[in-house]
Amino acid sequence: MPKIIFLLCIIILSNHLGNAQNVGIGNPNPLYKLQVHDTSSNITFMNITNKSTGINASDGLLVGINGTSAIVGNLENGNLRLATNNFTRMVIDSVGNVGIGPYSLASTFPDYKLDVAGDINTTGLIRLNGSPGTAGQVLASNGNSDPTWVNSAFAGNTRFAVELNQFSPATTSTTTGGVFSISEIRYNLNTTNVTTTVGANSITINKTGLYHFEVDFTTQFYYNVSVTPTAPPELTSYLAINYTGAFNHYLAYGTPMWKSKTTTNATYYYNGKMEMDVYIEAPKTLTLYSNMGRLDGPTNSVTQIGYLWGHLISD
């Protein structure tokens, strides 16, 4: 200890008398209380060690500058902390995890590459693997796998609406019906994700995701005027998705209405509605079917007109 005190006294006396008591190592005119300068190299370090670290080149705390890069490094298998007001505010542990506290000395240090104890605020972009996603997308968890950008509810442009019709000509059978076809495309905002074609009997979904569908249509049975049905016809309609096996979603109907006879027809009128959310693994087709049974007599025709709306809720 006396040797250290003596050495410090020599440094102070030799470098700082007459220079406002600033200490300079390698600099005869120090500008700070302690200034270390190396005139022969771009690399200058100070090293602090104790009895736990040892005194080798790979021991202790290293503080210095390499070129224009400042370096503070713990050469030991331990933490590096930044503290204010007697609390550790930021810590880098021995495996590179970064924690933003506050932490007390007895606190558990970070478990992840970035571990924040508190609120996080950002005014810039959030990127996932370099990608900020697209407008309207949100980050979705994939459990133990990496998250992904997905379309949020009602934010995407995968939306469509088509007008459908189905016509069954006059028959003497007790059953009739068939497949609806597209008579008009009201809109299809993304023709890559959804294929709609006038005259086609189905719609093709080309993008996997959770979809919302709505169906609303009316059915009119035109009986021969000589027929007075004893009960309403039986109508079964469903939206079919071409999964393996049956995957049909049936429509609900209100009470059928008997319409007064004209000179040519006696008519029954139905209104069918359906609304559903379903996850589709693309590509899949949607087809609307309608089957009529319990016909009490010859029908002049059956006419059905309706709409099918759909949009992608989320990937």
Protein backbone atom coordinates (compact mmCIF):
# COMPACT_ATOMS: atom_id res chain seq x y z
CA MET A 1 0.00 0.00 0.00
CA PRO A 2 2.76 2.57 0.76
CA LYS A 3 4.23 1.87 -2.67
CA ILE A 4 0.91 2.65 -4.38
CA ILE A 5 0.50 5.89 -2.42
CA PHE A 6 4.05 6.91 -3.25
CA LEU A 7 3.51 6.19 -6.96
CA LEU A 8 0.33 8.22 -7.06
CA CYS A 9 2.07 11.10 -5.40
CA ILE A 10 4.86 10.98 -8.01
CA ILE A 11 2.32 10.94 -10.87
CA ILE A 12 0.41 13.87 -9.44
CA LEU A 13 3.49 15.93 -8.73
CA SER A 14 5.10 15.24 -12.09
CA ASN A 15 2.08 15.79 -14.25
CA HIS A 16 -0.21 18.25 -12.52
CA LEU A 17 1.52 20.86 -10.46
CA GLY A 18 0.63 24.08 -12.19
CA ASN A 19 -2.13 22.44 -14.24
CA ALA A 20 -5.18 22.89 -12.00
CA GLN A 21 -4.47 19.52 -10.33
CA ASN A 22 -5.51 17.51 -13.44
CA VAL A 23 -3.76 14.18 -13.79
CA GLY A 24 -2.39 13.17 -17.19
CA ILE A 25 -0.89 9.86 -18.24
CA GLY A 26 0.79 10.29 -21.60
CA ASN A 27 -0.46 13.86 -21.78
CA PRO A 28 1.53 16.69 -20.19
CA ASN A 29 -1.41 19.07 -20.37
CA PRO A 30 -4.47 17.07 -19.16
CA LEU A 31 -7.87 18.65 -19.58
CA TYR A 32 -9.65 16.45 -17.03
CA LYS A 33 -9.06 15.23 -13.51
CA LEU A 34 -7.66 12.05 -15.07
CA GLN A 35 -6.73 11.81 -18.74
CA VAL A 36 -5.00 8.79 -20.29
CA HIS A 37 -3.43 9.24 -23.71
CA ASP A 38 -1.33 6.96 -25.91
CA THR A 39 0.71 8.78 -28.53
CA SER A 40 1.96 5.59 -30.18
CA SER A 41 -1.28 3.57 -30.67
CA ASN A 42 -4.96 3.89 -31.55
CA ILE A 43 -5.80 1.42 -28.78
CA THR A 44 -5.84 2.58 -25.16
CA PHE A 45 -7.29 0.59 -22.26
CA MET A 46 -7.43 0.72 -18.53
CA ASN A 47 -7.87 -2.52 -16.60
CA ILE A 48 -9.34 -2.95 -13.11
CA THR A 49 -8.92 -6.26 -11.28
CA ASN A 50 -9.30 -7.69 -7.79
CA LYS A 51 -8.43 -10.87 -5.94
CA SER A 52 -11.44 -12.70 -7.49
CA THR A 53 -10.54 -11.90 -11.09
CA GLY A 54 -6.80 -12.43 -11.20
CA ILE A 55 -4.36 -10.14 -12.96
CA ASN A 56 -3.94 -11.67 -16.38
CA ALA A 57 -4.74 -9.97 -19.71
CA SER A 58 -8.14 -11.70 -19.82
CA ASP A 59 -9.17 -10.68 -16.30
CA GLY A 60 -11.18 -7.89 -14.75
CA LEU A 61 -12.92 -4.85 -16.18
CA LEU A 62 -11.65 -3.25 -19.36
CA VAL A 63 -12.38 0.38 -20.19
CA GLY A 64 -10.89 2.06 -23.19
CA ILE A 65 -11.01 3.12 -26.78
CA ASN A 66 -10.12 1.35 -30.01
CA GLY A 67 -9.83 3.84 -32.82
CA THR A 68 -13.06 5.82 -32.49
CA SER A 69 -14.99 2.99 -30.79
CA ALA A 70 -15.44 3.18 -27.01
CA ILE A 71 -15.39 -0.13 -25.14
CA VAL A 72 -16.51 -1.16 -21.67
CA GLY A 73 -16.12 -4.87 -21.11
CA ASN A 74 -16.35 -7.38 -18.30
CA LEU A 75 -13.75 -10.00 -19.14
CA GLU A 76 -15.09 -12.30 -16.45
CA ASN A 77 -17.98 -14.79 -16.59
CA GLY A 78 -20.28 -12.29 -14.90
CA ASN A 79 -22.68 -9.41 -15.45
CA LEU A 80 -22.09 -5.90 -16.68
CA ARG A 81 -24.38 -3.37 -15.01
CA LEU A 82 -25.35 0.26 -15.45
CA ALA A 83 -26.88 1.81 -12.35
CA THR A 84 -28.47 5.03 -11.09
CA ASN A 85 -29.94 5.96 -7.72
CA ASN A 86 -28.67 2.72 -6.16
CA PHE A 87 -30.53 0.54 -8.68
CA THR A 88 -29.24 -1.42 -11.65
CA ARG A 89 -31.09 0.09 -14.61
CA MET A 90 -29.57 -2.07 -17.32
CA VAL A 91 -27.68 -5.36 -17.22
CA ILE A 92 -25.98 -7.62 -19.75
CA ASP A 93 -25.49 -11.08 -18.29
CA SER A 94 -22.70 -13.51 -19.02
CA VAL A 95 -24.55 -15.15 -21.96
CA GLY A 96 -25.54 -11.87 -23.63
CA ASN A 97 -29.11 -11.42 -22.36
CA VAL A 98 -30.02 -7.76 -21.92
CA GLY A 99 -32.27 -6.68 -19.07
CA ILE A 100 -33.79 -3.26 -18.55
CA GLY A 101 -34.80 -2.90 -14.92
CA PRO A 102 -34.78 -1.59 -12.36
CA TYR A 103 -33.01 -4.48 -10.65
CA SER A 104 -31.82 -4.62 -7.08
CA LEU A 105 -28.55 -6.35 -6.28
CA ALA A 106 -30.51 -9.46 -5.30
CA SER A 107 -32.75 -9.44 -8.38
CA THR A 108 -32.99 -12.27 -10.90
CA PHE A 109 -31.33 -11.11 -14.08
CA PRO A 110 -32.75 -11.43 -17.62
CA ASP A 111 -33.83 -14.76 -19.08
CA TYR A 112 -34.14 -13.59 -22.70
CA LYS A 113 -32.17 -11.67 -25.31
CA LEU A 114 -34.19 -8.62 -24.29
CA ASP A 115 -36.06 -8.64 -20.99
CA VAL A 116 -37.87 -5.43 -20.04
CA ALA A 117 -39.44 -4.85 -16.63
CA GLY A 118 -41.93 -2.11 -17.50
CA ASP A 119 -43.73 -0.45 -20.39
CA ILE A 120 -42.28 -0.27 -23.88
CA ASN A 121 -42.86 2.68 -26.21
CA THR A 122 -41.77 2.99 -29.82
CA THR A 123 -42.22 5.72 -32.41
CA GLY A 124 -40.69 3.74 -35.28
CA LEU A 125 -41.40 0.51 -37.11
CA ILE A 126 -41.70 -2.91 -35.52
CA ARG A 127 -39.91 -5.44 -37.71
CA LEU A 128 -40.06 -9.22 -37.75
CA ASN A 129 -37.05 -10.79 -39.49
CA GLY A 130 -36.51 -7.43 -41.15
CA SER A 131 -40.12 -7.07 -42.34
CA PRO A 132 -42.52 -4.46 -40.92
CA GLY A 133 -45.51 -6.34 -42.39
CA THR A 134 -48.13 -4.53 -44.44
CA ALA A 135 -50.79 -2.01 -43.49
CA GLY A 136 -53.49 -3.56 -41.29
CA GLN A 137 -51.47 -6.63 -40.28
CA VAL A 138 -50.80 -7.68 -36.69
CA LEU A 139 -48.26 -9.98 -35.07
CA ALA A 140 -49.77 -13.36 -34.29
CA SER A 141 -48.31 -15.89 -31.87
CA ASN A 142 -47.40 -19.34 -33.17
CA GLY A 143 -46.85 -20.84 -29.73
CA ASN A 144 -43.24 -21.95 -29.41
CA SER A 145 -42.49 -21.02 -33.03
CA ASP A 146 -41.68 -17.57 -34.37
CA PRO A 147 -44.62 -15.13 -34.61
CA THR A 148 -45.89 -14.07 -38.04
CA TRP A 149 -47.56 -11.07 -39.59
CA VAL A 150 -51.24 -11.79 -40.33
CA ASN A 151 -54.18 -9.74 -41.53
CA SER A 152 -56.26 -8.35 -38.71
CA ALA A 153 -60.03 -8.74 -38.65
CA PHE A 154 -61.77 -6.72 -41.38
CA ALA A 155 -58.48 -5.11 -42.45
CA GLY A 156 -57.59 -7.17 -45.51
CA ASN A 157 -58.68 -6.76 -49.11
CA THR A 158 -59.75 -10.39 -49.58
CA ARG A 159 -63.46 -9.63 -49.89
CA PHE A 160 -66.10 -10.64 -52.41
CA ALA A 161 -69.83 -10.54 -53.04
CA VAL A 162 -71.68 -12.40 -55.78
CA GLU A 163 -75.29 -12.71 -56.89
CA LEU A 164 -76.50 -16.30 -57.32
CA ASN A 165 -79.50 -17.88 -58.96
CA GLN A 166 -80.98 -21.30 -59.51
CA PHE A 167 -83.89 -22.15 -61.78
CA SER A 168 -85.75 -25.45 -61.90
CA PRO A 169 -88.17 -25.86 -64.81
CA ALA A 170 -91.67 -27.32 -64.57
CA THR A 171 -91.79 -30.83 -63.19
CA THR A 172 -94.25 -33.45 -62.10
CA SER A 173 -91.73 -34.95 -59.68
CA THR A 174 -92.12 -34.65 -55.91
CA THR A 175 -88.55 -33.33 -55.68
CA THR A 176 -86.53 -30.72 -57.55
CA GLY A 177 -83.66 -28.31 -57.01
CA GLY A 178 -80.00 -28.06 -57.90
CA VAL A 179 -76.85 -25.97 -57.76
CA PHE A 180 -76.74 -22.19 -57.74
CA SER A 181 -74.64 -20.42 -60.34
CA ILE A 182 -73.05 -16.97 -60.28
CA SER A 183 -75.15 -14.49 -62.20
CA GLU A 184 -73.24 -11.33 -61.25
CA ILE A 185 -70.03 -10.42 -59.43
CA ARG A 186 -70.79 -7.42 -57.24
CA TYR A 187 -67.13 -7.09 -56.19
CA ASN A 188 -64.00 -9.19 -55.74
CA LEU A 189 -61.17 -7.12 -54.28
CA ASN A 190 -58.50 -9.79 -54.59
CA THR A 191 -58.84 -12.03 -57.60
CA THR A 192 -55.65 -13.90 -56.66
CA ASN A 193 -57.05 -15.08 -53.33
CA VAL A 194 -60.64 -15.68 -54.55
CA THR A 195 -61.74 -16.86 -58.00
CA THR A 196 -65.24 -15.82 -59.09
CA THR A 197 -66.58 -16.37 -62.61
CA VAL A 198 -70.01 -15.48 -63.98
CA GLY A 199 -71.83 -18.68 -64.91
CA ALA A 200 -69.72 -20.87 -62.65
CA ASN A 201 -71.34 -23.10 -60.04
CA SER A 202 -68.67 -22.53 -57.39
CA ILE A 203 -66.24 -20.03 -55.91
CA THR A 204 -62.61 -21.03 -55.34
CA ILE A 205 -60.76 -19.88 -52.23
CA ASN A 206 -57.02 -19.77 -52.99
CA LYS A 207 -55.68 -18.39 -49.72
CA THR A 208 -55.67 -20.33 -46.45
CA GLY A 209 -57.22 -18.61 -43.46
CA LEU A 210 -60.25 -17.96 -41.30
CA TYR A 211 -63.18 -16.69 -43.40
CA HIS A 212 -66.57 -15.16 -42.69
CA PHE A 213 -69.42 -16.04 -45.06
CA GLU A 214 -73.01 -14.82 -45.28
CA VAL A 215 -75.80 -16.13 -47.53
CA ASP A 216 -79.20 -14.58 -48.09
CA PHE A 217 -81.61 -15.75 -50.79
CA THR A 218 -85.27 -16.19 -51.61
CA THR A 219 -87.08 -19.14 -53.17
CA GLN A 220 -90.42 -19.09 -54.95
CA PHE A 221 -92.39 -22.21 -55.84
CA TYR A 222 -94.80 -21.63 -58.71
CA TYR A 223 -97.50 -24.33 -58.66
CA ASN A 224 -99.96 -24.96 -61.41
CA VAL A 225 -103.05 -22.94 -60.60
CA SER A 226 -105.07 -26.11 -60.31
CA VAL A 227 -102.90 -27.29 -57.40
CA THR A 228 -103.68 -26.32 -53.82
CA PRO A 229 -100.79 -27.66 -51.68
CA THR A 230 -101.76 -29.16 -48.34
CA ALA A 231 -98.44 -28.15 -46.75
CA PRO A 232 -95.45 -25.98 -47.67
CA PRO A 233 -92.75 -27.65 -49.75
CA GLU A 234 -89.73 -28.92 -47.88
CA LEU A 235 -86.62 -26.88 -48.70
CA THR A 236 -83.07 -27.85 -47.72
CA SER A 237 -80.17 -25.59 -48.72
CA TYR A 238 -76.53 -25.65 -47.75
CA LEU A 239 -73.15 -24.14 -48.54
CA ALA A 240 -70.74 -26.98 -49.34
CA ILE A 241 -66.96 -26.78 -48.97
CA ASN A 242 -65.05 -29.49 -50.83
CA TYR A 243 -63.24 -31.07 -47.93
CA THR A 244 -62.88 -34.84 -47.82
CA GLY A 245 -66.28 -36.14 -46.79
CA ALA A 246 -69.33 -34.03 -46.05
CA PHE A 247 -68.69 -30.50 -44.87
CA ASN A 248 -72.01 -28.75 -45.41
CA HIS A 249 -73.39 -25.69 -43.65
CA TYR A 250 -77.16 -25.53 -43.72
CA LEU A 251 -79.27 -22.42 -44.00
CA ALA A 252 -81.99 -21.46 -41.58
CA TYR A 253 -85.42 -20.48 -42.87
CA GLY A 254 -88.20 -18.39 -41.58
CA THR A 255 -91.84 -19.49 -41.83
CA PRO A 256 -92.75 -20.05 -45.48
CA MET A 257 -95.38 -17.64 -46.76
CA TRP A 258 -98.36 -18.67 -48.91
CA LYS A 259 -99.02 -16.10 -51.58
CA SER A 260 -102.47 -15.71 -53.10
CA LYS A 261 -103.25 -17.37 -56.39
CA THR A 262 -103.12 -15.58 -59.67
CA THR A 263 -104.74 -16.73 -62.86
CA THR A 264 -101.63 -18.76 -63.69
CA ASN A 265 -99.82 -19.65 -60.47
CA ALA A 266 -100.12 -20.49 -56.81
CA THR A 267 -96.89 -19.53 -55.05
CA TYR A 268 -94.93 -20.34 -51.92
CA TYR A 269 -92.18 -17.97 -50.83
CA TYR A 270 -89.12 -18.75 -48.65
CA ASN A 271 -86.24 -16.65 -47.34
CA GLY A 272 -83.02 -18.44 -46.29
CA LYS A 273 -80.11 -16.98 -44.30
CA MET A 274 -76.80 -18.23 -43.04
CA GLU A 275 -73.76 -16.67 -41.37
CA MET A 276 -70.63 -18.53 -40.33
CA ASP A 277 -66.88 -18.38 -39.71
CA VAL A 278 -64.83 -21.30 -41.00
CA TYR A 279 -61.12 -22.01 -41.39
CA ILE A 280 -60.25 -23.02 -44.95
CA GLU A 281 -57.09 -24.74 -46.08
CA ALA A 282 -56.75 -23.53 -49.65
CA PRO A 283 -57.53 -24.29 -52.34
CA LYS A 284 -61.17 -25.14 -51.67
CA THR A 285 -64.41 -24.50 -53.57
CA LEU A 286 -67.70 -23.17 -52.21
CA THR A 287 -70.94 -24.36 -53.77
CA LEU A 288 -74.50 -23.45 -52.80
CA TYR A 289 -77.06 -26.26 -53.17
CA SER A 290 -80.82 -26.28 -52.73
CA ASN A 291 -83.06 -29.34 -52.65
CA MET A 292 -86.87 -29.20 -52.60
CA GLY A 293 -89.12 -32.01 -51.56
CA ARG A 294 -92.72 -32.78 -50.57
CA LEU A 295 -94.18 -31.19 -53.66
CA ASP A 296 -97.92 -31.79 -53.66
CA GLY A 297 -98.39 -31.42 -57.39
CA PRO A 298 -96.87 -30.26 -60.64
CA THR A 299 -94.79 -27.09 -60.40
CA ASN A 300 -94.53 -24.61 -63.20
CA SER A 301 -91.03 -23.67 -61.97
CA VAL A 302 -88.88 -22.87 -58.96
CA THR A 303 -86.85 -19.67 -58.96
CA GLN A 304 -84.13 -18.86 -56.42
CA ILE A 305 -82.14 -15.62 -56.23
CA GLY A 306 -79.63 -14.67 -53.53
CA TYR A 307 -76.27 -13.31 -52.49
CA LEU A 308 -73.09 -14.75 -51.03
CA TRP A 309 -70.65 -12.46 -49.23
CA GLY A 310 -67.28 -13.44 -47.86
CA HIS A 311 -64.06 -11.99 -46.48
CA LEU A 312 -60.82 -13.19 -44.95
CA ILE A 313 -60.78 -12.52 -41.20
CA SER A 314 -57.24 -13.64 -40.48
CA ASP A 315 -54.48 -15.73 -42.01
